C-alpha atoms as a PDB file:
ATOM      1  CA  ALA A   1      76.156 145.985 -82.517  1.00  0.00           C
ATOM      2  CA  GLU A   2      76.449 142.737 -80.525  1.00  0.00           C
ATOM      3  CA  LEU A   3      73.990 140.958 -82.835  1.00  0.00           C
ATOM      4  CA  VAL A   4      75.992 142.022 -85.887  1.00  0.00           C
ATOM      5  CA  ARG A   5      79.263 140.815 -84.312  1.00  0.00           C
ATOM      6  CA  THR A   6      77.669 137.493 -83.393  1.00  0.00           C
ATOM      7  CA  ALA A   7      76.215 136.999 -86.884  1.00  0.00           C
ATOM      8  CA  LYS A   8      79.580 137.772 -88.499  1.00  0.00           C
ATOM      9  CA  PHE A   9      81.344 135.378 -86.131  1.00  0.00           C
ATOM     10  CA  LEU A  10      78.863 132.555 -86.789  1.00  0.00           C
ATOM     11  CA  GLY A  11      79.108 133.095 -90.542  1.00  0.00           C
ATOM     12  CA  ALA A  12      82.900 133.228 -90.703  1.00  0.00           C
ATOM     13  CA  ASP A  13      84.470 131.780 -93.847  1.00  0.00           C
ATOM     14  CA  GLY A  14      85.215 128.079 -93.560  1.00  0.00           C
ATOM     15  CA  LYS A  15      83.106 127.562 -90.438  1.00  0.00           C
ATOM     16  CA  GLY A  16      79.607 126.337 -89.731  1.00  0.00           C
ATOM     17  CA  VAL A  17      77.068 125.773 -87.003  1.00  0.00           C
ATOM     18  CA  LEU A  18      76.720 122.282 -85.526  1.00  0.00           C
ATOM     19  CA  ALA A  19      73.086 121.293 -85.008  1.00  0.00           C
ATOM     20  CA  ALA A  20      73.408 119.068 -81.939  1.00  0.00           C
ATOM     21  CA  ASP A  21      69.827 119.705 -80.847  1.00  0.00           C
ATOM     22  CA  GLU A  22      68.369 116.228 -81.237  1.00  0.00           C
ATOM     23  CA  SER A  23      65.529 115.559 -78.827  1.00  0.00           C
ATOM     24  CA  THR A  24      65.724 112.436 -76.672  1.00  0.00           C
ATOM     25  CA  GLY A  25      63.400 110.716 -79.152  1.00  0.00           C
ATOM     26  CA  THR A  26      65.427 111.611 -82.219  1.00  0.00           C
ATOM     27  CA  ILE A  27      68.770 110.723 -80.672  1.00  0.00           C
ATOM     28  CA  GLY A  28      67.172 107.484 -79.465  1.00  0.00           C
ATOM     29  CA  LYS A  29      66.470 106.499 -83.083  1.00  0.00           C
ATOM     30  CA  ARG A  30      70.105 107.150 -83.986  1.00  0.00           C
ATOM     31  CA  PHE A  31      71.313 105.137 -81.010  1.00  0.00           C
ATOM     32  CA  ALA A  32      68.920 102.253 -81.749  1.00  0.00           C
ATOM     33  CA  SER A  33      70.340 101.937 -85.259  1.00  0.00           C
ATOM     34  CA  ILE A  34      73.772 101.162 -83.744  1.00  0.00           C
ATOM     35  CA  GLY A  35      72.589  99.205 -80.714  1.00  0.00           C
ATOM     36  CA  VAL A  36      73.224 101.891 -78.087  1.00  0.00           C
ATOM     37  CA  GLU A  37      70.772 102.330 -75.221  1.00  0.00           C
ATOM     38  CA  ASN A  38      69.074 105.737 -75.148  1.00  0.00           C
ATOM     39  CA  ASN A  39      69.789 107.017 -71.647  1.00  0.00           C
ATOM     40  CA  GLU A  40      71.160 110.257 -70.193  1.00  0.00           C
ATOM     41  CA  VAL A  41      74.639 108.798 -69.613  1.00  0.00           C
ATOM     42  CA  ASN A  42      75.019 107.712 -73.250  1.00  0.00           C
ATOM     43  CA  ARG A  43      73.639 111.023 -74.539  1.00  0.00           C
ATOM     44  CA  GLN A  44      76.158 112.882 -72.353  1.00  0.00           C
ATOM     45  CA  LYS A  45      79.046 110.719 -73.604  1.00  0.00           C
ATOM     46  CA  TYR A  46      77.994 111.218 -77.229  1.00  0.00           C
ATOM     47  CA  ARG A  47      77.772 114.992 -76.848  1.00  0.00           C
ATOM     48  CA  GLU A  48      81.071 115.149 -74.980  1.00  0.00           C
ATOM     49  CA  MET A  49      82.698 113.229 -77.829  1.00  0.00           C
ATOM     50  CA  LEU A  50      81.334 115.766 -80.322  1.00  0.00           C
ATOM     51  CA  PHE A  51      82.227 118.876 -78.339  1.00  0.00           C
ATOM     52  CA  SER A  52      85.685 117.593 -77.324  1.00  0.00           C
ATOM     53  CA  THR A  53      86.764 116.740 -80.858  1.00  0.00           C
ATOM     54  CA  PRO A  54      90.309 118.060 -81.318  1.00  0.00           C
ATOM     55  CA  LYS A  55      90.379 121.342 -83.277  1.00  0.00           C
ATOM     56  CA  ILE A  56      86.571 121.469 -83.595  1.00  0.00           C
ATOM     57  CA  GLU A  57      86.884 125.239 -83.204  1.00  0.00           C
ATOM     58  CA  ASP A  58      88.721 125.362 -86.550  1.00  0.00           C
ATOM     59  CA  CYS A  59      85.513 124.308 -88.323  1.00  0.00           C
ATOM     60  CA  ILE A  60      82.611 125.144 -86.000  1.00  0.00           C
ATOM     61  CA  SER A  61      81.629 128.642 -84.871  1.00  0.00           C
ATOM     62  CA  GLY A  62      78.434 127.745 -83.006  1.00  0.00           C
ATOM     63  CA  VAL A  63      76.465 124.813 -81.615  1.00  0.00           C
ATOM     64  CA  ILE A  64      72.703 124.526 -81.319  1.00  0.00           C
ATOM     65  CA  MET A  65      71.939 122.414 -78.246  1.00  0.00           C
ATOM     66  CA  PHE A  66      68.897 120.587 -76.894  1.00  0.00           C
ATOM     67  CA  GLU A  67      67.807 121.819 -73.446  1.00  0.00           C
ATOM     68  CA  GLU A  68      69.165 118.727 -71.675  1.00  0.00           C
ATOM     69  CA  THR A  69      72.627 119.528 -73.030  1.00  0.00           C
ATOM     70  CA  LEU A  70      72.768 122.890 -71.257  1.00  0.00           C
ATOM     71  CA  TYR A  71      72.958 121.094 -67.916  1.00  0.00           C
ATOM     72  CA  GLN A  72      75.327 118.305 -68.910  1.00  0.00           C
ATOM     73  CA  LYS A  73      79.022 118.367 -68.071  1.00  0.00           C
ATOM     74  CA  THR A  74      82.236 116.726 -69.187  1.00  0.00           C
ATOM     75  CA  ARG A  75      83.730 113.895 -67.134  1.00  0.00           C
ATOM     76  CA  GLU A  76      85.877 116.590 -65.505  1.00  0.00           C
ATOM     77  CA  GLY A  77      82.779 118.536 -64.445  1.00  0.00           C
ATOM     78  CA  VAL A  78      82.944 121.348 -67.014  1.00  0.00           C
ATOM     79  CA  PRO A  79      79.473 122.392 -68.245  1.00  0.00           C
ATOM     80  CA  PHE A  80      79.174 121.895 -72.002  1.00  0.00           C
ATOM     81  CA  PRO A  81      78.406 125.587 -72.683  1.00  0.00           C
ATOM     82  CA  GLU A  82      81.636 126.521 -70.852  1.00  0.00           C
ATOM     83  CA  LEU A  83      83.630 123.913 -72.781  1.00  0.00           C
ATOM     84  CA  LEU A  84      82.361 125.402 -76.033  1.00  0.00           C
ATOM     85  CA  LYS A  85      83.050 128.998 -74.961  1.00  0.00           C
ATOM     86  CA  HIS A  86      86.611 127.997 -73.999  1.00  0.00           C
ATOM     87  CA  LYS A  87      87.020 126.778 -77.587  1.00  0.00           C
ATOM     88  CA  THR A  88      85.607 130.104 -78.900  1.00  0.00           C
ATOM     89  CA  ILE A  89      82.414 128.379 -80.044  1.00  0.00           C
ATOM     90  CA  ILE A  90      79.110 130.130 -79.362  1.00  0.00           C
ATOM     91  CA  PRO A  91      76.627 127.842 -77.578  1.00  0.00           C
ATOM     92  CA  GLY A  92      72.947 128.229 -78.387  1.00  0.00           C
ATOM     93  CA  ILE A  93      69.725 126.444 -77.559  1.00  0.00           C
ATOM     94  CA  LYS A  94      66.901 125.064 -79.641  1.00  0.00           C
ATOM     95  CA  VAL A  95      63.824 127.122 -78.772  1.00  0.00           C
ATOM     96  CA  ASP A  96      61.066 125.423 -80.740  1.00  0.00           C
ATOM     97  CA  THR A  97      58.896 122.734 -79.198  1.00  0.00           C
ATOM     98  CA  GLY A  98      58.289 120.706 -82.342  1.00  0.00           C
ATOM     99  CA  VAL A  99      56.049 120.756 -85.377  1.00  0.00           C
ATOM    100  CA  VAL A 100      52.474 121.957 -84.983  1.00  0.00           C
ATOM    101  CA  GLU A 101      49.696 122.437 -87.504  1.00  0.00           C
ATOM    102  CA  LEU A 102      49.147 126.086 -88.344  1.00  0.00           C
ATOM    103  CA  PRO A 103      45.517 127.230 -88.238  1.00  0.00           C
ATOM    104  CA  GLY A 104      44.107 127.845 -91.719  1.00  0.00           C
ATOM    105  CA  THR A 105      46.561 125.481 -93.465  1.00  0.00           C
ATOM    106  CA  CYS A 106      46.301 121.950 -94.778  1.00  0.00           C
ATOM    107  CA  GLY A 107      48.736 120.613 -92.198  1.00  0.00           C
END
């Protein structure tokens, strides 16, 4: 029952899931393209900007986060998952560890 409720909530009309699960390497490439140093402080500020966007909850029902993000907080000390929950956005975490070759395939 809970899984069904969660799936319906995430798939609500007019809303989507924000994939904010960039690894430190991937986000570093994005930052490099705009001349921003890839460090934990800048990643925290970037994610806080995303998650604190006014009325984000009107468009986003869930956020997929990178593990580092689970432990980051706003400037006021609010953990990002709590900030999202307060906005009625379901926080989630990326669980894969990257691309690997599957045995028996051509890569």
